[in-house]
């Protein structure tokens, strides 16, 4: 039986979680204090994902030169660098509103990158 030790990142408590696996399947999760921790731990050992935050250039605005962006939902962890690379040369035209799609289907993940503030 394989054991994986994790520190939960779903809330400020930072629970020490132990996941026991057998043949690639989760058989037991312990150490969490809330259901979010249990879900996180199971997902982290079988299919880890991350939300990517960054910023892109804005043209056509005297006040703002950059706008913050993030993936609308989490993406597979192994696609994070491809996502960042895809954002590197992106420039958007002002005005930009919170929730506007900046990049559709980033890095082939099926997830859009959206603005997180107005510019």
PDB file of N, CA and C in Angstrom:
ATOM      1  N   UNK A   1       0.846  -1.177   0.000  1.00  0.00           N
ATOM      2  CA  UNK A   1       0.000   0.000   0.000  1.00  0.00           C
ATOM      3  C   UNK A   1       0.892   1.241   0.000  1.00  0.00           C
ATOM      4  N   UNK A   2       0.558   2.176  -0.859  1.00  0.00           N
ATOM      5  CA  UNK A   2       1.302   3.435  -0.969  1.00  0.00           C
ATOM      6  C   UNK A   2       0.617   4.504  -0.116  1.00  0.00           C
ATOM      7  N   UNK A   3       1.431   5.286   0.606  1.00  0.00           N
ATOM      8  CA  UNK A   3       0.909   6.402   1.398  1.00  0.00           C
ATOM      9  C   UNK A   3       1.481   7.701   0.862  1.00  0.00           C
ATOM     10  N   UNK A   4       0.617   8.703   0.715  1.00  0.00           N
ATOM     11  CA  UNK A   4       1.042  10.035   0.292  1.00  0.00           C
ATOM     12  C   UNK A   4       0.650  11.030   1.367  1.00  0.00           C
ATOM     13  N   UNK A   5       1.600  11.867   1.776  1.00  0.00           N
ATOM     14  CA  UNK A   5       1.369  12.902   2.781  1.00  0.00           C
ATOM     15  C   UNK A   5       1.209  14.241   2.066  1.00  0.00           C
ATOM     16  N   UNK A   6       0.133  14.967   2.361  1.00  0.00           N
ATOM     17  CA  UNK A   6      -0.149  16.251   1.731  1.00  0.00           C
ATOM     18  C   UNK A   6      -0.449  17.296   2.791  1.00  0.00           C
ATOM     19  N   UNK A   7      -0.214  18.547   2.450  1.00  0.00           N
ATOM     20  CA  UNK A   7      -0.705  19.660   3.252  1.00  0.00           C
ATOM     21  C   UNK A   7      -1.827  20.294   2.459  1.00  0.00           C
ATOM     22  N   UNK A   8      -3.005  20.319   3.030  1.00  0.00           N
ATOM     23  CA  UNK A   8      -4.176  20.841   2.329  1.00  0.00           C
ATOM     24  C   UNK A   8      -4.029  22.346   2.092  1.00  0.00           C
ATOM     25  N   UNK A   9      -4.433  22.801   0.904  1.00  0.00           N
ATOM     26  CA  UNK A   9      -4.365  24.219   0.546  1.00  0.00           C
ATOM     27  C   UNK A   9      -5.745  24.811   0.309  1.00  0.00           C
ATOM     28  N   UNK A  10      -6.779  24.141   0.760  1.00  0.00           N
ATOM     29  CA  UNK A  10      -8.135  24.608   0.498  1.00  0.00           C
ATOM     30  C   UNK A  10      -8.634  25.647   1.486  1.00  0.00           C
ATOM     31  N   UNK A  11      -8.008  25.761   2.633  1.00  0.00           N
ATOM     32  CA  UNK A  11      -8.377  26.785   3.615  1.00  0.00           C
ATOM     33  C   UNK A  11      -7.144  27.086   4.457  1.00  0.00           C
ATOM     34  N   UNK A  12      -7.200  28.095   5.311  1.00  0.00           N
ATOM     35  CA  UNK A  12      -6.015  28.473   6.099  1.00  0.00           C
ATOM     36  C   UNK A  12      -5.555  27.449   7.141  1.00  0.00           C
ATOM     37  N   UNK A  13      -6.332  26.420   7.431  1.00  0.00           N
ATOM     38  CA  UNK A  13      -5.943  25.459   8.465  1.00  0.00           C
ATOM     39  C   UNK A  13      -4.724  24.632   8.074  1.00  0.00           C
ATOM     40  N   UNK A  14      -4.534  24.342   6.792  1.00  0.00           N
ATOM     41  CA  UNK A  14      -3.358  23.597   6.336  1.00  0.00           C
ATOM     42  C   UNK A  14      -3.248  22.211   6.939  1.00  0.00           C
ATOM     43  N   UNK A  15      -4.340  21.465   6.917  1.00  0.00           N
ATOM     44  CA  UNK A  15      -4.369  20.124   7.516  1.00  0.00           C
ATOM     45  C   UNK A  15      -3.319  19.201   6.895  1.00  0.00           C
ATOM     46  N   UNK A  16      -2.719  18.365   7.717  1.00  0.00           N
ATOM     47  CA  UNK A  16      -1.804  17.320   7.255  1.00  0.00           C
ATOM     48  C   UNK A  16      -2.663  16.108   6.906  1.00  0.00           C
ATOM     49  N   UNK A  17      -2.769  15.809   5.621  1.00  0.00           N
ATOM     50  CA  UNK A  17      -3.647  14.745   5.147  1.00  0.00           C
ATOM     51  C   UNK A  17      -2.814  13.571   4.658  1.00  0.00           C
ATOM     52  N   UNK A  18      -3.271  12.368   4.984  1.00  0.00           N
ATOM     53  CA  UNK A  18      -2.640  11.144   4.504  1.00  0.00           C
ATOM     54  C   UNK A  18      -3.605  10.443   3.562  1.00  0.00           C
ATOM     55  N   UNK A  19      -3.102  10.107   2.385  1.00  0.00           N
ATOM     56  CA  UNK A  19      -3.898   9.376   1.402  1.00  0.00           C
ATOM     57  C   UNK A  19      -3.250   8.013   1.212  1.00  0.00           C
ATOM     58  N   UNK A  20      -4.035   6.969   1.380  1.00  0.00           N
ATOM     59  CA  UNK A  20      -3.549   5.612   1.152  1.00  0.00           C
ATOM     60  C   UNK A  20      -4.106   5.135  -0.182  1.00  0.00           C
ATOM     61  N   UNK A  21      -3.199   4.582  -1.003  1.00  0.00           N
ATOM     62  CA  UNK A  21      -3.581   4.130  -2.340  1.00  0.00           C
ATOM     63  C   UNK A  21      -3.150   2.685  -2.541  1.00  0.00           C
ATOM     64  N   UNK A  22      -3.938   1.994  -3.326  1.00  0.00           N
ATOM     65  CA  UNK A  22      -3.616   0.631  -3.698  1.00  0.00           C
ATOM     66  C   UNK A  22      -3.936   0.456  -5.173  1.00  0.00           C
ATOM     67  N   UNK A  23      -2.925   0.065  -5.966  1.00  0.00           N
ATOM     68  CA  UNK A  23      -3.080  -0.098  -7.411  1.00  0.00           C
ATOM     69  C   UNK A  23      -3.607   1.164  -8.081  1.00  0.00           C
ATOM     70  N   UNK A  24      -3.119   2.337  -7.630  1.00  0.00           N
ATOM     71  CA  UNK A  24      -3.519   3.602  -8.229  1.00  0.00           C
ATOM     72  C   UNK A  24      -4.887   4.110  -7.811  1.00  0.00           C
ATOM     73  N   UNK A  25      -5.544   3.411  -6.912  1.00  0.00           N
ATOM     74  CA  UNK A  25      -6.876   3.805  -6.429  1.00  0.00           C
ATOM     75  C   UNK A  25      -6.784   4.273  -4.990  1.00  0.00           C
ATOM     76  N   UNK A  26      -7.512   5.338  -4.669  1.00  0.00           N
ATOM     77  CA  UNK A  26      -7.565   5.840  -3.298  1.00  0.00           C
ATOM     78  C   UNK A  26      -8.416   4.888  -2.468  1.00  0.00           C
ATOM     79  N   UNK A  27      -7.858   4.394  -1.359  1.00  0.00           N
ATOM     80  CA  UNK A  27      -8.607   3.498  -0.479  1.00  0.00           C
ATOM     81  C   UNK A  27      -8.935   4.148   0.864  1.00  0.00           C
ATOM     82  N   UNK A  28      -8.165   5.191   1.263  1.00  0.00           N
ATOM     83  CA  UNK A  28      -8.457   5.861   2.523  1.00  0.00           C
ATOM     84  C   UNK A  28      -7.830   7.246   2.530  1.00  0.00           C
ATOM     85  N   UNK A  29      -8.573   8.198   3.090  1.00  0.00           N
ATOM     86  CA  UNK A  29      -8.073   9.558   3.275  1.00  0.00           C
ATOM     87  C   UNK A  29      -8.309   9.921   4.730  1.00  0.00           C
ATOM     88  N   UNK A  30      -7.245  10.399   5.410  1.00  0.00           N
ATOM     89  CA  UNK A  30      -7.384  10.777   6.816  1.00  0.00           C
ATOM     90  C   UNK A  30      -6.642  12.079   7.090  1.00  0.00           C
ATOM     91  N   UNK A  31      -7.008  12.727   8.189  1.00  0.00           N
ATOM     92  CA  UNK A  31      -6.324  13.942   8.609  1.00  0.00           C
ATOM     93  C   UNK A  31      -7.015  15.231   8.207  1.00  0.00           C
ATOM     94  N   UNK A  32      -8.028  15.182   7.394  1.00  0.00           N
ATOM     95  CA  UNK A  32      -8.744  16.386   6.970  1.00  0.00           C
ATOM     96  C   UNK A  32      -9.770  16.772   8.038  1.00  0.00           C
ATOM     97  N   UNK A  33     -10.082  18.062   8.101  1.00  0.00           N
ATOM     98  CA  UNK A  33     -11.091  18.517   9.058  1.00  0.00           C
ATOM     99  C   UNK A  33     -12.362  18.999   8.375  1.00  0.00           C
ATOM    100  N   UNK A  34     -12.330  19.118   7.055  1.00  0.00           N
ATOM    101  CA  UNK A  34     -13.546  19.500   6.324  1.00  0.00           C
ATOM    102  C   UNK A  34     -13.611  18.717   5.019  1.00  0.00           C
ATOM    103  N   UNK A  35     -14.787  18.682   4.424  1.00  0.00           N
ATOM    104  CA  UNK A  35     -14.996  17.910   3.203  1.00  0.00           C
ATOM    105  C   UNK A  35     -14.154  18.449   2.042  1.00  0.00           C
ATOM    106  N   UNK A  36     -13.884  19.765   2.035  1.00  0.00           N
ATOM    107  CA  UNK A  36     -13.046  20.328   0.969  1.00  0.00           C
ATOM    108  C   UNK A  36     -11.657  19.687   0.983  1.00  0.00           C
ATOM    109  N   UNK A  37     -11.132  19.424   2.167  1.00  0.00           N
ATOM    110  CA  UNK A  37      -9.827  18.784   2.286  1.00  0.00           C
ATOM    111  C   UNK A  37      -9.832  17.365   1.754  1.00  0.00           C
ATOM    112  N   UNK A  38     -10.894  16.643   2.041  1.00  0.00           N
ATOM    113  CA  UNK A  38     -11.017  15.269   1.547  1.00  0.00           C
ATOM    114  C   UNK A  38     -11.074  15.253   0.020  1.00  0.00           C
ATOM    115  N   UNK A  39     -11.857  16.142  -0.558  1.00  0.00           N
ATOM    116  CA  UNK A  39     -11.977  16.219  -2.025  1.00  0.00           C
ATOM    117  C   UNK A  39     -10.642  16.618  -2.639  1.00  0.00           C
ATOM    118  N   UNK A  40      -9.996  17.634  -2.056  1.00  0.00           N
ATOM    119  CA  UNK A  40      -8.698  18.089  -2.552  1.00  0.00           C
ATOM    120  C   UNK A  40      -7.687  16.951  -2.563  1.00  0.00           C
ATOM    121  N   UNK A  41      -7.577  16.224  -1.460  1.00  0.00           N
ATOM    122  CA  UNK A  41      -6.570  15.166  -1.346  1.00  0.00           C
ATOM    123  C   UNK A  41      -6.801  14.065  -2.372  1.00  0.00           C
ATOM    124  N   UNK A  42      -8.033  13.638  -2.531  1.00  0.00           N
ATOM    125  CA  UNK A  42      -8.331  12.590  -3.508  1.00  0.00           C
ATOM    126  C   UNK A  42      -7.986  13.023  -4.917  1.00  0.00           C
ATOM    127  N   UNK A  43      -8.308  14.273  -5.234  1.00  0.00           N
ATOM    128  CA  UNK A  43      -8.036  14.804  -6.570  1.00  0.00           C
ATOM    129  C   UNK A  43      -6.539  15.032  -6.782  1.00  0.00           C
ATOM    130  N   UNK A  44      -5.853  15.499  -5.753  1.00  0.00           N
ATOM    131  CA  UNK A  44      -4.431  15.826  -5.879  1.00  0.00           C
ATOM    132  C   UNK A  44      -3.576  14.597  -6.188  1.00  0.00           C
ATOM    133  N   UNK A  45      -3.933  13.447  -5.681  1.00  0.00           N
ATOM    134  CA  UNK A  45      -3.126  12.249  -5.930  1.00  0.00           C
ATOM    135  C   UNK A  45      -3.529  11.519  -7.211  1.00  0.00           C
ATOM    136  N   UNK A  46      -4.716  11.806  -7.743  1.00  0.00           N
ATOM    137  CA  UNK A  46      -5.158  11.107  -8.949  1.00  0.00           C
ATOM    138  C   UNK A  46      -5.139  11.984 -10.200  1.00  0.00           C
ATOM    139  N   UNK A  47      -5.482  13.278 -10.057  1.00  0.00           N
ATOM    140  CA  UNK A  47      -5.542  14.182 -11.201  1.00  0.00           C
ATOM    141  C   UNK A  47      -5.335  15.619 -10.712  1.00  0.00           C
ATOM    142  N   UNK A  48      -4.094  16.010 -10.391  1.00  0.00           N
ATOM    143  CA  UNK A  48      -3.854  17.341  -9.833  1.00  0.00           C
ATOM    144  C   UNK A  48      -4.167  18.458 -10.830  1.00  0.00           C
ATOM    145  N   UNK A  49      -4.790  19.517 -10.323  1.00  0.00           N
ATOM    146  CA  UNK A  49      -5.130  20.676 -11.147  1.00  0.00           C
ATOM    147  C   UNK A  49      -4.743  21.953 -10.422  1.00  0.00           C
ATOM    148  N   UNK A  50      -4.652  23.043 -11.180  1.00  0.00           N
ATOM    149  CA  UNK A  50      -4.308  24.340 -10.615  1.00  0.00           C
ATOM    150  C   UNK A  50      -5.080  25.439 -11.343  1.00  0.00           C
ATOM    151  N   UNK A  51      -5.309  26.549 -10.647  1.00  0.00           N
ATOM    152  CA  UNK A  51      -5.807  27.768 -11.270  1.00  0.00           C
ATOM    153  C   UNK A  51      -4.585  28.621 -11.568  1.00  0.00           C
ATOM    154  N   UNK A  52      -4.517  29.168 -12.782  1.00  0.00           N
ATOM    155  CA  UNK A  52      -3.382  29.994 -13.184  1.00  0.00           C
ATOM    156  C   UNK A  52      -3.800  31.458 -13.137  1.00  0.00           C
ATOM    157  N   UNK A  53      -2.991  32.281 -12.494  1.00  0.00           N
ATOM    158  CA  UNK A  53      -3.210  33.730 -12.489  1.00  0.00           C
ATOM    159  C   UNK A  53      -2.011  34.395 -13.141  1.00  0.00           C
ATOM    160  N   UNK A  54      -2.285  35.480 -13.858  1.00  0.00           N
ATOM    161  CA  UNK A  54      -1.213  36.189 -14.549  1.00  0.00           C
ATOM    162  C   UNK A  54      -1.710  37.594 -14.885  1.00  0.00           C
ATOM    163  N   UNK A  55      -1.045  38.241 -15.826  1.00  0.00           N
ATOM    164  CA  UNK A  55      -1.494  39.527 -16.331  1.00  0.00           C
ATOM    165  C   UNK A  55      -1.127  39.608 -17.811  1.00  0.00           C
ATOM    166  N   UNK A  56      -1.880  40.429 -18.543  1.00  0.00           N
ATOM    167  CA  UNK A  56      -1.622  40.643 -19.972  1.00  0.00           C
ATOM    168  C   UNK A  56      -1.633  42.145 -20.250  1.00  0.00           C
ATOM    169  N   UNK A  57      -1.023  42.515 -21.339  1.00  0.00           N
ATOM    170  CA  UNK A  57      -0.941  43.925 -21.727  1.00  0.00           C
ATOM    171  C   UNK A  57      -2.290  44.437 -22.234  1.00  0.00           C
ATOM    172  N   UNK A  58      -2.521  45.734 -21.996  1.00  0.00           N
ATOM    173  CA  UNK A  58      -3.720  46.415 -22.476  1.00  0.00           C
ATOM    174  C   UNK A  58      -3.279  47.582 -23.346  1.00  0.00           C
ATOM    175  N   UNK A  59      -3.898  47.726 -24.516  1.00  0.00           N
ATOM    176  CA  UNK A  59      -3.642  48.887 -25.370  1.00  0.00           C
ATOM    177  C   UNK A  59      -4.919  49.717 -25.451  1.00  0.00           C
ATOM    178  N   UNK A  60      -4.758  50.982 -25.776  1.00  0.00           N
ATOM    179  CA  UNK A  60      -5.915  51.861 -25.934  1.00  0.00           C
ATOM    180  C   UNK A  60      -6.424  52.451 -24.641  1.00  0.00           C
ATOM    181  N   UNK A  61      -5.628  52.384 -23.581  1.00  0.00           N
ATOM    182  CA  UNK A  61      -6.018  52.940 -22.287  1.00  0.00           C
ATOM    183  C   UNK A  61      -4.856  53.760 -21.749  1.00  0.00           C
ATOM    184  N   UNK A  62      -5.146  55.012 -21.403  1.00  0.00           N
ATOM    185  CA  UNK A  62      -4.089  55.875 -20.869  1.00  0.00           C
ATOM    186  C   UNK A  62      -3.702  55.462 -19.453  1.00  0.00           C
ATOM    187  N   UNK A  63      -4.666  54.942 -18.684  1.00  0.00           N
ATOM    188  CA  UNK A  63      -4.410  54.648 -17.267  1.00  0.00           C
ATOM    189  C   UNK A  63      -3.821  53.262 -17.033  1.00  0.00           C
ATOM    190  N   UNK A  64      -4.319  52.267 -17.722  1.00  0.00           N
ATOM    191  CA  UNK A  64      -3.931  50.885 -17.448  1.00  0.00           C
ATOM    192  C   UNK A  64      -3.033  50.342 -18.555  1.00  0.00           C
ATOM    193  N   UNK A  65      -1.925  49.729 -18.167  1.00  0.00           N
ATOM    194  CA  UNK A  65      -1.053  49.094 -19.144  1.00  0.00           C
ATOM    195  C   UNK A  65      -1.114  47.576 -19.052  1.00  0.00           C
ATOM    196  N   UNK A  66      -1.610  47.075 -17.913  1.00  0.00           N
ATOM    197  CA  UNK A  66      -1.735  45.634 -17.692  1.00  0.00           C
ATOM    198  C   UNK A  66      -3.085  45.363 -17.034  1.00  0.00           C
ATOM    199  N   UNK A  67      -3.606  44.151 -17.242  1.00  0.00           N
ATOM    200  CA  UNK A  67      -4.817  43.723 -16.555  1.00  0.00           C
ATOM    201  C   UNK A  67      -4.576  42.305 -16.026  1.00  0.00           C
ATOM    202  N   UNK A  68      -5.047  42.054 -14.824  1.00  0.00           N
ATOM    203  CA  UNK A  68      -4.895  40.727 -14.229  1.00  0.00           C
ATOM    204  C   UNK A  68      -5.892  39.764 -14.852  1.00  0.00           C
ATOM    205  N   UNK A  69      -5.475  38.506 -14.995  1.00  0.00           N
ATOM    206  CA  UNK A  69      -6.309  37.466 -15.598  1.00  0.00           C
ATOM    207  C   UNK A  69      -6.130  36.169 -14.819  1.00  0.00           C
ATOM    208  N   UNK A  70      -7.065  35.239 -15.023  1.00  0.00           N
ATOM    209  CA  UNK A  70      -6.945  33.909 -14.423  1.00  0.00           C
ATOM    210  C   UNK A  70      -7.715  32.914 -15.260  1.00  0.00           C
ATOM    211  N   UNK A  71      -7.391  31.639 -15.088  1.00  0.00           N
ATOM    212  CA  UNK A  71      -8.179  30.610 -15.751  1.00  0.00           C
ATOM    213  C   UNK A  71      -9.542  30.566 -15.069  1.00  0.00           C
ATOM    214  N   UNK A  72     -10.580  30.394 -15.863  1.00  0.00           N
ATOM    215  CA  UNK A  72     -11.938  30.425 -15.322  1.00  0.00           C
ATOM    216  C   UNK A  72     -12.163  29.302 -14.318  1.00  0.00           C
ATOM    217  N   UNK A  73     -11.563  28.154 -14.577  1.00  0.00           N
ATOM    218  CA  UNK A  73     -11.572  27.034 -13.643  1.00  0.00           C
ATOM    219  C   UNK A  73     -10.153  26.467 -13.606  1.00  0.00           C
ATOM    220  N   UNK A  74      -9.938  25.485 -12.781  1.00  0.00           N
ATOM    221  CA  UNK A  74      -8.601  24.897 -12.712  1.00  0.00           C
ATOM    222  C   UNK A  74      -8.321  24.063 -13.962  1.00  0.00           C
ATOM    223  N   UNK A  75      -7.034  23.919 -14.256  1.00  0.00           N
ATOM    224  CA  UNK A  75      -6.582  23.155 -15.422  1.00  0.00           C
ATOM    225  C   UNK A  75      -5.636  22.070 -14.942  1.00  0.00           C
ATOM    226  N   UNK A  76      -5.413  21.034 -15.767  1.00  0.00           N
ATOM    227  CA  UNK A  76      -4.460  19.988 -15.369  1.00  0.00           C
ATOM    228  C   UNK A  76      -3.089  20.600 -15.054  1.00  0.00           C
ATOM    229  N   UNK A  77      -2.487  20.125 -13.985  1.00  0.00           N
ATOM    230  CA  UNK A  77      -1.206  20.665 -13.531  1.00  0.00           C
ATOM    231  C   UNK A  77      -0.140  20.606 -14.619  1.00  0.00           C
ATOM    232  N   UNK A  78      -0.170  19.573 -15.439  1.00  0.00           N
ATOM    233  CA  UNK A  78       0.848  19.454 -16.487  1.00  0.00           C
ATOM    234  C   UNK A  78       0.638  20.435 -17.643  1.00  0.00           C
ATOM    235  N   UNK A  79      -0.440  21.220 -17.629  1.00  0.00           N
ATOM    236  CA  UNK A  79      -0.701  22.224 -18.666  1.00  0.00           C
ATOM    237  C   UNK A  79      -0.402  23.646 -18.189  1.00  0.00           C
ATOM    238  N   UNK A  80       0.043  23.804 -16.941  1.00  0.00           N
ATOM    239  CA  UNK A  80       0.274  25.139 -16.384  1.00  0.00           C
ATOM    240  C   UNK A  80       1.311  25.912 -17.201  1.00  0.00           C
ATOM    241  N   UNK A  81       2.455  25.310 -17.506  1.00  0.00           N
ATOM    242  CA  UNK A  81       3.491  26.028 -18.248  1.00  0.00           C
ATOM    243  C   UNK A  81       3.039  26.365 -19.664  1.00  0.00           C
ATOM    244  N   UNK A  82       2.279  25.495 -20.303  1.00  0.00           N
ATOM    245  CA  UNK A  82       1.745  25.786 -21.633  1.00  0.00           C
ATOM    246  C   UNK A  82       0.769  26.959 -21.568  1.00  0.00           C
ATOM    247  N   UNK A  83       0.007  27.037 -20.500  1.00  0.00           N
ATOM    248  CA  UNK A  83      -0.922  28.142 -20.304  1.00  0.00           C
ATOM    249  C   UNK A  83      -0.169  29.456 -20.151  1.00  0.00           C
ATOM    250  N   UNK A  84       0.845  29.466 -19.315  1.00  0.00           N
ATOM    251  CA  UNK A  84       1.644  30.676 -19.097  1.00  0.00           C
ATOM    252  C   UNK A  84       2.314  31.105 -20.403  1.00  0.00           C
ATOM    253  N   UNK A  85       2.817  30.144 -21.144  1.00  0.00           N
ATOM    254  CA  UNK A  85       3.457  30.446 -22.433  1.00  0.00           C
ATOM    255  C   UNK A  85       2.452  31.058 -23.406  1.00  0.00           C
ATOM    256  N   UNK A  86       1.221  30.546 -23.417  1.00  0.00           N
ATOM    257  CA  UNK A  86       0.181  31.067 -24.301  1.00  0.00           C
ATOM    258  C   UNK A  86      -0.198  32.501 -23.940  1.00  0.00           C
ATOM    259  N   UNK A  87      -0.068  32.876 -22.675  1.00  0.00           N
ATOM    260  CA  UNK A  87      -0.421  34.227 -22.233  1.00  0.00           C
ATOM    261  C   UNK A  87       0.693  35.239 -22.474  1.00  0.00           C
ATOM    262  N   UNK A  88       1.898  34.762 -22.698  1.00  0.00           N
ATOM    263  CA  UNK A  88       3.068  35.638 -22.776  1.00  0.00           C
ATOM    264  C   UNK A  88       2.913  36.770 -23.794  1.00  0.00           C
ATOM    265  N   UNK A  89       2.415  36.498 -24.964  1.00  0.00           N
ATOM    266  CA  UNK A  89       2.333  37.528 -25.999  1.00  0.00           C
ATOM    267  C   UNK A  89       0.952  38.136 -26.168  1.00  0.00           C
ATOM    268  N   UNK A  90       0.041  37.883 -25.259  1.00  0.00           N
ATOM    269  CA  UNK A  90      -1.337  38.362 -25.404  1.00  0.00           C
ATOM    270  C   UNK A  90      -1.436  39.846 -25.056  1.00  0.00           C
ATOM    271  N   UNK A  91      -2.115  40.588 -25.936  1.00  0.00           N
ATOM    272  CA  UNK A  91      -2.440  41.991 -25.696  1.00  0.00           C
ATOM    273  C   UNK A  91      -3.925  42.147 -25.980  1.00  0.00           C
ATOM    274  N   UNK A  92      -4.631  42.847 -25.100  1.00  0.00           N
ATOM    275  CA  UNK A  92      -6.066  43.089 -25.293  1.00  0.00           C
ATOM    276  C   UNK A  92      -6.314  44.575 -25.481  1.00  0.00           C
ATOM    277  N   UNK A  93      -7.398  44.882 -26.153  1.00  0.00           N
ATOM    278  CA  UNK A  93      -7.788  46.258 -26.417  1.00  0.00           C
ATOM    279  C   UNK A  93      -8.736  46.741 -25.324  1.00  0.00           C
ATOM    280  N   UNK A  94      -8.470  47.921 -24.778  1.00  0.00           N
ATOM    281  CA  UNK A  94      -9.370  48.513 -23.788  1.00  0.00           C
ATOM    282  C   UNK A  94     -10.665  48.935 -24.497  1.00  0.00           C
ATOM    283  N   UNK A  95     -11.779  48.932 -23.831  1.00  0.00           N
ATOM    284  CA  UNK A  95     -11.968  48.621 -22.423  1.00  0.00           C
ATOM    285  C   UNK A  95     -12.078  47.114 -22.188  1.00  0.00           C
ATOM    286  N   UNK A  96     -11.621  46.691 -21.029  1.00  0.00           N
ATOM    287  CA  UNK A  96     -11.715  45.299 -20.602  1.00  0.00           C
ATOM    288  C   UNK A  96     -12.550  45.291 -19.327  1.00  0.00           C
ATOM    289  N   UNK A  97     -13.482  44.356 -19.248  1.00  0.00           N
ATOM    290  CA  UNK A  97     -14.357  44.249 -18.080  1.00  0.00           C
ATOM    291  C   UNK A  97     -14.104  42.928 -17.359  1.00  0.00           C
ATOM    292  N   UNK A  98     -14.341  42.907 -16.068  1.00  0.00           N
ATOM    293  CA  UNK A  98     -14.215  41.679 -15.290  1.00  0.00           C
ATOM    294  C   UNK A  98     -15.041  40.583 -15.942  1.00  0.00           C
ATOM    295  N   UNK A  99     -14.432  39.436 -16.168  1.00  0.00           N
ATOM    296  CA  UNK A  99     -15.116  38.300 -16.771  1.00  0.00           C
ATOM    297  C   UNK A  99     -14.971  38.198 -18.273  1.00  0.00           C
ATOM    298  N   UNK A 100     -14.461  39.246 -18.925  1.00  0.00           N
ATOM    299  CA  UNK A 100     -14.233  39.171 -20.373  1.00  0.00           C
ATOM    300  C   UNK A 100     -13.239  38.055 -20.676  1.00  0.00           C
ATOM    301  N   UNK A 101     -13.528  37.267 -21.706  1.00  0.00           N
ATOM    302  CA  UNK A 101     -12.617  36.203 -22.123  1.00  0.00           C
ATOM    303  C   UNK A 101     -11.423  36.828 -22.838  1.00  0.00           C
ATOM    304  N   UNK A 102     -10.243  36.555 -22.344  1.00  0.00           N
ATOM    305  CA  UNK A 102      -9.004  37.070 -22.910  1.00  0.00           C
ATOM    306  C   UNK A 102      -8.394  36.038 -23.857  1.00  0.00           C
ATOM    307  N   UNK A 103      -8.415  34.769 -23.468  1.00  0.00           N
ATOM    308  CA  UNK A 103      -7.962  33.664 -24.317  1.00  0.00           C
ATOM    309  C   UNK A 103      -8.980  32.542 -24.187  1.00  0.00           C
ATOM    310  N   UNK A 104      -9.483  32.071 -25.327  1.00  0.00           N
ATOM    311  CA  UNK A 104     -10.435  30.961 -25.341  1.00  0.00           C
ATOM    312  C   UNK A 104      -9.668  29.642 -25.420  1.00  0.00           C
ATOM    313  N   UNK A 105     -10.091  28.646 -24.637  1.00  0.00           N
ATOM    314  CA  UNK A 105      -9.510  27.296 -24.686  1.00  0.00           C
ATOM    315  C   UNK A 105      -7.982  27.328 -24.591  1.00  0.00           C
ATOM    316  N   UNK A 106      -7.473  27.914 -23.531  1.00  0.00           N
ATOM    317  CA  UNK A 106      -6.032  28.080 -23.377  1.00  0.00           C
ATOM    318  C   UNK A 106      -5.323  26.722 -23.351  1.00  0.00           C
ATOM    319  N   UNK A 107      -4.278  26.610 -24.138  1.00  0.00           N
ATOM    320  CA  UNK A 107      -3.416  25.419 -24.202  1.00  0.00           C
ATOM    321  C   UNK A 107      -4.206  24.133 -24.445  1.00  0.00           C
ATOM    322  N   UNK A 108      -5.339  24.237 -25.126  1.00  0.00           N
ATOM    323  CA  UNK A 108      -6.133  23.054 -25.446  1.00  0.00           C
ATOM    324  C   UNK A 108      -6.803  22.408 -24.242  1.00  0.00           C
ATOM    325  N   UNK A 109      -7.000  23.178 -23.170  1.00  0.00           N
ATOM    326  CA  UNK A 109      -7.582  22.632 -21.947  1.00  0.00           C
ATOM    327  C   UNK A 109      -9.101  22.682 -21.926  1.00  0.00           C
ATOM    328  N   UNK A 110      -9.692  23.486 -22.834  1.00  0.00           N
ATOM    329  CA  UNK A 110     -11.135  23.689 -22.806  1.00  0.00           C
ATOM    330  C   UNK A 110     -11.536  24.775 -21.817  1.00  0.00           C
ATOM    331  N   UNK A 111     -10.570  25.406 -21.177  1.00  0.00           N
ATOM    332  CA  UNK A 111     -10.814  26.440 -20.172  1.00  0.00           C
ATOM    333  C   UNK A 111     -10.404  27.806 -20.721  1.00  0.00           C
ATOM    334  N   UNK A 112     -11.265  28.794 -20.493  1.00  0.00           N
ATOM    335  CA  UNK A 112     -10.963  30.161 -20.923  1.00  0.00           C
ATOM    336  C   UNK A 112     -10.171  30.908 -19.859  1.00  0.00           C
ATOM    337  N   UNK A 113      -9.402  31.884 -20.301  1.00  0.00           N
ATOM    338  CA  UNK A 113      -8.729  32.813 -19.402  1.00  0.00           C
ATOM    339  C   UNK A 113      -9.556  34.093 -19.420  1.00  0.00           C
ATOM    340  N   UNK A 114      -9.904  34.594 -18.220  1.00  0.00           N
ATOM    341  CA  UNK A 114     -10.771  35.771 -18.112  1.00  0.00           C
ATOM    342  C   UNK A 114     -10.086  36.896 -17.343  1.00  0.00           C
ATOM    343  N   UNK A 115     -10.533  38.125 -17.617  1.00  0.00           N
ATOM    344  CA  UNK A 115     -10.038  39.284 -16.881  1.00  0.00           C
ATOM    345  C   UNK A 115     -10.601  39.258 -15.462  1.00  0.00           C
ATOM    346  N   UNK A 116      -9.777  39.682 -14.510  1.00  0.00           N
ATOM    347  CA  UNK A 116     -10.225  39.701 -13.111  1.00  0.00           C
ATOM    348  C   UNK A 116     -10.431  41.121 -12.585  1.00  0.00           C
ATOM    349  N   UNK A 117     -10.248  42.100 -13.457  1.00  0.00           N
ATOM    350  CA  UNK A 117     -10.559  43.488 -13.090  1.00  0.00           C
ATOM    351  C   UNK A 117     -10.818  44.296 -14.348  1.00  0.00           C
ATOM    352  N   UNK A 118     -11.391  45.460 -14.164  1.00  0.00           N
ATOM    353  CA  UNK A 118     -11.674  46.357 -15.291  1.00  0.00           C
ATOM    354  C   UNK A 118     -10.427  47.130 -15.660  1.00  0.00           C
ATOM    355  N   UNK A 119     -10.282  47.405 -16.955  1.00  0.00           N
ATOM    356  CA  UNK A 119      -9.156  48.226 -17.417  1.00  0.00           C
ATOM    357  C   UNK A 119      -9.614  49.062 -18.597  1.00  0.00           C
TER     358      UNK A 119
END
